[in-house]
Amino acid sequence: MTKAADIRVKTPDETNDFLLDLKREQLNLRFQRATGQQENTSQMRKTRRDVARVKTIMAERLRASAKV
């Protein structure tokens, strides 16, 4: 699980790359679940929440830049 503070210190480009990596991981976990190869079932939930956390921080940055 990634902490929000760790994400906030990243640059916008790093944050986008991190989001893409999480999306790839999420896709791989979906395939593993579909083929019955998934060992750690809680990983799907953690990844989904990390994606939401990153998107929330990106939205906060967007709102902050719009106010300036």
PDB file of N, CA and C in Angstrom:
ATOM      1  N   MET A   1       0.846  -1.178   0.000  1.00  0.00           N
ATOM      2  CA  MET A   1       0.000   0.000   0.000  1.00  0.00           C
ATOM      3  C   MET A   1       0.888   1.238   0.000  1.00  0.00           C
ATOM      4  N   THR A   2       0.525   2.184  -0.779  1.00  0.00           N
ATOM      5  CA  THR A   2       1.281   3.414  -0.914  1.00  0.00           C
ATOM      6  C   THR A   2       0.653   4.493  -0.051  1.00  0.00           C
ATOM      7  N   LYS A   3       1.479   5.223   0.641  1.00  0.00           N
ATOM      8  CA  LYS A   3       1.000   6.320   1.474  1.00  0.00           C
ATOM      9  C   LYS A   3       0.772   7.557   0.607  1.00  0.00           C
ATOM     10  N   ALA A   4      -0.200   8.364   0.982  1.00  0.00           N
ATOM     11  CA  ALA A   4      -0.506   9.578   0.233  1.00  0.00           C
ATOM     12  C   ALA A   4       0.678  10.543   0.257  1.00  0.00           C
ATOM     13  N   ALA A   5       1.386  10.596   1.363  1.00  0.00           N
ATOM     14  CA  ALA A   5       2.537  11.495   1.470  1.00  0.00           C
ATOM     15  C   ALA A   5       3.621  11.119   0.459  1.00  0.00           C
ATOM     16  N   ASP A   6       3.776   9.815   0.202  1.00  0.00           N
ATOM     17  CA  ASP A   6       4.761   9.368  -0.784  1.00  0.00           C
ATOM     18  C   ASP A   6       4.379   9.817  -2.187  1.00  0.00           C
ATOM     19  N   ILE A   7       3.101   9.838  -2.464  1.00  0.00           N
ATOM     20  CA  ILE A   7       2.627  10.237  -3.789  1.00  0.00           C
ATOM     21  C   ILE A   7       2.736  11.746  -3.958  1.00  0.00           C
ATOM     22  N   ARG A   8       2.464  12.484  -2.903  1.00  0.00           N
ATOM     23  CA  ARG A   8       2.481  13.952  -2.987  1.00  0.00           C
ATOM     24  C   ARG A   8       3.865  14.514  -3.301  1.00  0.00           C
ATOM     25  N   VAL A   9       4.925  13.817  -2.923  1.00  0.00           N
ATOM     26  CA  VAL A   9       6.275  14.332  -3.179  1.00  0.00           C
ATOM     27  C   VAL A   9       6.736  14.068  -4.610  1.00  0.00           C
ATOM     28  N   LYS A  10       5.999  13.268  -5.344  1.00  0.00           N
ATOM     29  CA  LYS A  10       6.358  12.963  -6.729  1.00  0.00           C
ATOM     30  C   LYS A  10       5.969  14.121  -7.651  1.00  0.00           C
ATOM     31  N   THR A  11       6.701  14.243  -8.749  1.00  0.00           N
ATOM     32  CA  THR A  11       6.353  15.240  -9.749  1.00  0.00           C
ATOM     33  C   THR A  11       5.122  14.742 -10.512  1.00  0.00           C
ATOM     34  N   PRO A  12       4.437  15.625 -11.217  1.00  0.00           N
ATOM     35  CA  PRO A  12       3.267  15.179 -11.986  1.00  0.00           C
ATOM     36  C   PRO A  12       3.586  14.064 -12.990  1.00  0.00           C
ATOM     37  N   ASP A  13       4.759  14.125 -13.631  1.00  0.00           N
ATOM     38  CA  ASP A  13       5.138  13.070 -14.574  1.00  0.00           C
ATOM     39  C   ASP A  13       5.353  11.739 -13.859  1.00  0.00           C
ATOM     40  N   GLU A  14       6.009  11.793 -12.714  1.00  0.00           N
ATOM     41  CA  GLU A  14       6.218  10.573 -11.935  1.00  0.00           C
ATOM     42  C   GLU A  14       4.886  10.002 -11.462  1.00  0.00           C
ATOM     43  N   THR A  15       3.963  10.877 -11.103  1.00  0.00           N
ATOM     44  CA  THR A  15       2.651  10.435 -10.647  1.00  0.00           C
ATOM     45  C   THR A  15       1.897   9.750 -11.782  1.00  0.00           C
ATOM     46  N   ASN A  16       1.962  10.319 -12.973  1.00  0.00           N
ATOM     47  CA  ASN A  16       1.313   9.687 -14.133  1.00  0.00           C
ATOM     48  C   ASN A  16       1.915   8.316 -14.424  1.00  0.00           C
ATOM     49  N   ASP A  17       3.240   8.224 -14.361  1.00  0.00           N
ATOM     50  CA  ASP A  17       3.897   6.939 -14.592  1.00  0.00           C
ATOM     51  C   ASP A  17       3.488   5.921 -13.532  1.00  0.00           C
ATOM     52  N   PHE A  18       3.403   6.366 -12.294  1.00  0.00           N
ATOM     53  CA  PHE A  18       3.007   5.484 -11.202  1.00  0.00           C
ATOM     54  C   PHE A  18       1.570   4.995 -11.410  1.00  0.00           C
ATOM     55  N   LEU A  19       0.693   5.879 -11.870  1.00  0.00           N
ATOM     56  CA  LEU A  19      -0.689   5.500 -12.137  1.00  0.00           C
ATOM     57  C   LEU A  19      -0.753   4.452 -13.254  1.00  0.00           C
ATOM     58  N   LEU A  20       0.031   4.635 -14.294  1.00  0.00           N
ATOM     59  CA  LEU A  20       0.070   3.650 -15.382  1.00  0.00           C
ATOM     60  C   LEU A  20       0.557   2.294 -14.879  1.00  0.00           C
ATOM     61  N   ASP A  21       1.568   2.309 -14.010  1.00  0.00           N
ATOM     62  CA  ASP A  21       2.070   1.053 -13.448  1.00  0.00           C
ATOM     63  C   ASP A  21       0.989   0.353 -12.621  1.00  0.00           C
ATOM     64  N   LEU A  22       0.247   1.138 -11.848  1.00  0.00           N
ATOM     65  CA  LEU A  22      -0.826   0.560 -11.043  1.00  0.00           C
ATOM     66  C   LEU A  22      -1.926  -0.024 -11.924  1.00  0.00           C
ATOM     67  N   LYS A  23      -2.252   0.663 -13.008  1.00  0.00           N
ATOM     68  CA  LYS A  23      -3.269   0.164 -13.933  1.00  0.00           C
ATOM     69  C   LYS A  23      -2.830  -1.151 -14.574  1.00  0.00           C
ATOM     70  N   ARG A  24      -1.540  -1.245 -14.938  1.00  0.00           N
ATOM     71  CA  ARG A  24      -1.012  -2.492 -15.504  1.00  0.00           C
ATOM     72  C   ARG A  24      -1.096  -3.629 -14.486  1.00  0.00           C
ATOM     73  N   GLU A  25      -0.729  -3.307 -13.247  1.00  0.00           N
ATOM     74  CA  GLU A  25      -0.795  -4.308 -12.191  1.00  0.00           C
ATOM     75  C   GLU A  25      -2.234  -4.767 -11.976  1.00  0.00           C
ATOM     76  N   GLN A  26      -3.158  -3.826 -12.024  1.00  0.00           N
ATOM     77  CA  GLN A  26      -4.573  -4.143 -11.854  1.00  0.00           C
ATOM     78  C   GLN A  26      -5.048  -5.076 -12.978  1.00  0.00           C
ATOM     79  N   LEU A  27      -4.622  -4.802 -14.195  1.00  0.00           N
ATOM     80  CA  LEU A  27      -4.988  -5.651 -15.327  1.00  0.00           C
ATOM     81  C   LEU A  27      -4.429  -7.060 -15.151  1.00  0.00           C
ATOM     82  N   ASN A  28      -3.164  -7.136 -14.751  1.00  0.00           N
ATOM     83  CA  ASN A  28      -2.548  -8.445 -14.531  1.00  0.00           C
ATOM     84  C   ASN A  28      -3.267  -9.224 -13.431  1.00  0.00           C
ATOM     85  N   LEU A  29      -3.673  -8.544 -12.380  1.00  0.00           N
ATOM     86  CA  LEU A  29      -4.394  -9.210 -11.300  1.00  0.00           C
ATOM     87  C   LEU A  29      -5.764  -9.699 -11.770  1.00  0.00           C
ATOM     88  N   ARG A  30      -6.395  -8.925 -12.647  1.00  0.00           N
ATOM     89  CA  ARG A  30      -7.683  -9.370 -13.193  1.00  0.00           C
ATOM     90  C   ARG A  30      -7.523 -10.645 -14.016  1.00  0.00           C
ATOM     91  N   PHE A  31      -6.456 -10.696 -14.815  1.00  0.00           N
ATOM     92  CA  PHE A  31      -6.186 -11.900 -15.598  1.00  0.00           C
ATOM     93  C   PHE A  31      -5.883 -13.092 -14.693  1.00  0.00           C
ATOM     94  N   GLN A  32      -5.106 -12.849 -13.646  1.00  0.00           N
ATOM     95  CA  GLN A  32      -4.793 -13.926 -12.712  1.00  0.00           C
ATOM     96  C   GLN A  32      -6.058 -14.466 -12.049  1.00  0.00           C
ATOM     97  N   ARG A  33      -6.960 -13.570 -11.686  1.00  0.00           N
ATOM     98  CA  ARG A  33      -8.205 -14.000 -11.049  1.00  0.00           C
ATOM     99  C   ARG A  33      -9.050 -14.808 -12.031  1.00  0.00           C
ATOM    100  N   ALA A  34      -9.088 -14.379 -13.284  1.00  0.00           N
ATOM    101  CA  ALA A  34      -9.910 -15.054 -14.285  1.00  0.00           C
ATOM    102  C   ALA A  34      -9.379 -16.454 -14.601  1.00  0.00           C
ATOM    103  N   THR A  35      -8.061 -16.619 -14.534  1.00  0.00           N
ATOM    104  CA  THR A  35      -7.483 -17.920 -14.847  1.00  0.00           C
ATOM    105  C   THR A  35      -7.271 -18.779 -13.606  1.00  0.00           C
ATOM    106  N   GLY A  36      -7.628 -18.262 -12.438  1.00  0.00           N
ATOM    107  CA  GLY A  36      -7.505 -19.024 -11.202  1.00  0.00           C
ATOM    108  C   GLY A  36      -6.097 -19.100 -10.655  1.00  0.00           C
ATOM    109  N   GLN A  37      -5.233 -18.199 -11.051  1.00  0.00           N
ATOM    110  CA  GLN A  37      -3.838 -18.214 -10.603  1.00  0.00           C
ATOM    111  C   GLN A  37      -3.565 -17.242  -9.471  1.00  0.00           C
ATOM    112  N   GLN A  38      -4.553 -16.469  -9.071  1.00  0.00           N
ATOM    113  CA  GLN A  38      -4.327 -15.437  -8.066  1.00  0.00           C
ATOM    114  C   GLN A  38      -4.164 -16.067  -6.691  1.00  0.00           C
ATOM    115  N   GLU A  39      -3.047 -15.761  -6.037  1.00  0.00           N
ATOM    116  CA  GLU A  39      -2.754 -16.313  -4.720  1.00  0.00           C
ATOM    117  C   GLU A  39      -3.177 -15.363  -3.613  1.00  0.00           C
ATOM    118  N   ASN A  40      -2.892 -14.084  -3.789  1.00  0.00           N
ATOM    119  CA  ASN A  40      -3.185 -13.095  -2.761  1.00  0.00           C
ATOM    120  C   ASN A  40      -4.411 -12.293  -3.197  1.00  0.00           C
ATOM    121  N   THR A  41      -5.562 -12.656  -2.692  1.00  0.00           N
ATOM    122  CA  THR A  41      -6.795 -12.016  -3.142  1.00  0.00           C
ATOM    123  C   THR A  41      -6.932 -10.581  -2.648  1.00  0.00           C
ATOM    124  N   SER A  42      -6.242 -10.231  -1.576  1.00  0.00           N
ATOM    125  CA  SER A  42      -6.348  -8.870  -1.051  1.00  0.00           C
ATOM    126  C   SER A  42      -5.556  -7.869  -1.893  1.00  0.00           C
ATOM    127  N   GLN A  43      -4.663  -8.357  -2.741  1.00  0.00           N
ATOM    128  CA  GLN A  43      -3.846  -7.469  -3.568  1.00  0.00           C
ATOM    129  C   GLN A  43      -4.700  -6.660  -4.532  1.00  0.00           C
ATOM    130  N   MET A  44      -5.771  -7.248  -5.031  1.00  0.00           N
ATOM    131  CA  MET A  44      -6.671  -6.544  -5.953  1.00  0.00           C
ATOM    132  C   MET A  44      -7.265  -5.314  -5.270  1.00  0.00           C
ATOM    133  N   ARG A  45      -7.717  -5.481  -4.056  1.00  0.00           N
ATOM    134  CA  ARG A  45      -8.310  -4.375  -3.303  1.00  0.00           C
ATOM    135  C   ARG A  45      -7.281  -3.278  -3.024  1.00  0.00           C
ATOM    136  N   LYS A  46      -6.079  -3.679  -2.629  1.00  0.00           N
ATOM    137  CA  LYS A  46      -5.023  -2.706  -2.346  1.00  0.00           C
ATOM    138  C   LYS A  46      -4.665  -1.895  -3.590  1.00  0.00           C
ATOM    139  N   THR A  47      -4.566  -2.572  -4.717  1.00  0.00           N
ATOM    140  CA  THR A  47      -4.225  -1.889  -5.965  1.00  0.00           C
ATOM    141  C   THR A  47      -5.329  -0.923  -6.372  1.00  0.00           C
ATOM    142  N   ARG A  48      -6.573  -1.363  -6.238  1.00  0.00           N
ATOM    143  CA  ARG A  48      -7.707  -0.502  -6.589  1.00  0.00           C
ATOM    144  C   ARG A  48      -7.715   0.760  -5.719  1.00  0.00           C
ATOM    145  N   ARG A  49      -7.411   0.606  -4.450  1.00  0.00           N
ATOM    146  CA  ARG A  49      -7.385   1.764  -3.551  1.00  0.00           C
ATOM    147  C   ARG A  49      -6.198   2.674  -3.830  1.00  0.00           C
ATOM    148  N   ASP A  50      -5.069   2.098  -4.215  1.00  0.00           N
ATOM    149  CA  ASP A  50      -3.915   2.912  -4.588  1.00  0.00           C
ATOM    150  C   ASP A  50      -4.216   3.747  -5.831  1.00  0.00           C
ATOM    151  N   VAL A  51      -4.921   3.152  -6.796  1.00  0.00           N
ATOM    152  CA  VAL A  51      -5.319   3.897  -8.001  1.00  0.00           C
ATOM    153  C   VAL A  51      -6.210   5.065  -7.604  1.00  0.00           C
ATOM    154  N   ALA A  52      -7.160   4.816  -6.732  1.00  0.00           N
ATOM    155  CA  ALA A  52      -8.060   5.887  -6.286  1.00  0.00           C
ATOM    156  C   ALA A  52      -7.293   6.968  -5.538  1.00  0.00           C
ATOM    157  N   ARG A  53      -6.313   6.558  -4.740  1.00  0.00           N
ATOM    158  CA  ARG A  53      -5.510   7.521  -3.980  1.00  0.00           C
ATOM    159  C   ARG A  53      -4.727   8.427  -4.922  1.00  0.00           C
ATOM    160  N   VAL A  54      -4.130   7.845  -5.951  1.00  0.00           N
ATOM    161  CA  VAL A  54      -3.349   8.628  -6.916  1.00  0.00           C
ATOM    162  C   VAL A  54      -4.265   9.579  -7.686  1.00  0.00           C
ATOM    163  N   LYS A  55      -5.423   9.091  -8.111  1.00  0.00           N
ATOM    164  CA  LYS A  55      -6.350   9.948  -8.852  1.00  0.00           C
ATOM    165  C   LYS A  55      -6.852  11.099  -7.992  1.00  0.00           C
ATOM    166  N   THR A  56      -7.071  10.852  -6.717  1.00  0.00           N
ATOM    167  CA  THR A  56      -7.515  11.905  -5.804  1.00  0.00           C
ATOM    168  C   THR A  56      -6.454  12.987  -5.678  1.00  0.00           C
ATOM    169  N   ILE A  57      -5.211  12.586  -5.524  1.00  0.00           N
ATOM    170  CA  ILE A  57      -4.128  13.559  -5.386  1.00  0.00           C
ATOM    171  C   ILE A  57      -3.948  14.341  -6.680  1.00  0.00           C
ATOM    172  N   MET A  58      -4.093  13.673  -7.815  1.00  0.00           N
ATOM    173  CA  MET A  58      -4.000  14.374  -9.095  1.00  0.00           C
ATOM    174  C   MET A  58      -5.126  15.402  -9.237  1.00  0.00           C
ATOM    175  N   ALA A  59      -6.317  15.058  -8.786  1.00  0.00           N
ATOM    176  CA  ALA A  59      -7.445  15.993  -8.845  1.00  0.00           C
ATOM    177  C   ALA A  59      -7.217  17.172  -7.911  1.00  0.00           C
ATOM    178  N   GLU A  60      -6.655  16.918  -6.741  1.00  0.00           N
ATOM    179  CA  GLU A  60      -6.341  18.013  -5.809  1.00  0.00           C
ATOM    180  C   GLU A  60      -5.356  18.979  -6.430  1.00  0.00           C
ATOM    181  N   ARG A  61      -4.335  18.449  -7.091  1.00  0.00           N
ATOM    182  CA  ARG A  61      -3.338  19.304  -7.739  1.00  0.00           C
ATOM    183  C   ARG A  61      -3.991  20.131  -8.847  1.00  0.00           C
ATOM    184  N   LEU A  62      -4.895  19.521  -9.590  1.00  0.00           N
ATOM    185  CA  LEU A  62      -5.570  20.224 -10.674  1.00  0.00           C
ATOM    186  C   LEU A  62      -6.422  21.360 -10.137  1.00  0.00           C
ATOM    187  N   ARG A  63      -7.157  21.094  -9.055  1.00  0.00           N
ATOM    188  CA  ARG A  63      -7.985  22.145  -8.445  1.00  0.00           C
ATOM    189  C   ARG A  63      -7.126  23.258  -7.880  1.00  0.00           C
ATOM    190  N   ALA A  64      -5.994  22.909  -7.278  1.00  0.00           N
ATOM    191  CA  ALA A  64      -5.097  23.919  -6.704  1.00  0.00           C
ATOM    192  C   ALA A  64      -4.499  24.797  -7.787  1.00  0.00           C
ATOM    193  N   SER A  65      -4.163  24.223  -8.920  1.00  0.00           N
ATOM    194  CA  SER A  65      -3.582  25.016 -10.001  1.00  0.00           C
ATOM    195  C   SER A  65      -4.638  25.880 -10.682  1.00  0.00           C
ATOM    196  N   ALA A  66      -5.884  25.458 -10.652  1.00  0.00           N
ATOM    197  CA  ALA A  66      -6.960  26.240 -11.254  1.00  0.00           C
ATOM    198  C   ALA A  66      -7.299  27.475 -10.416  1.00  0.00           C
ATOM    199  N   LYS A  67      -7.089  27.372  -9.106  1.00  0.00           N
ATOM    200  CA  LYS A  67      -7.392  28.503  -8.227  1.00  0.00           C
ATOM    201  C   LYS A  67      -6.366  29.612  -8.326  1.00  0.00           C
ATOM    202  N   VAL A  68      -5.160  29.271  -8.710  1.00  0.00           N
ATOM    203  CA  VAL A  68      -4.065  30.258  -8.757  1.00  0.00           C
ATOM    204  C   VAL A  68      -4.199  31.166  -9.913  1.00  0.00           C
TER     205      VAL A  68
END
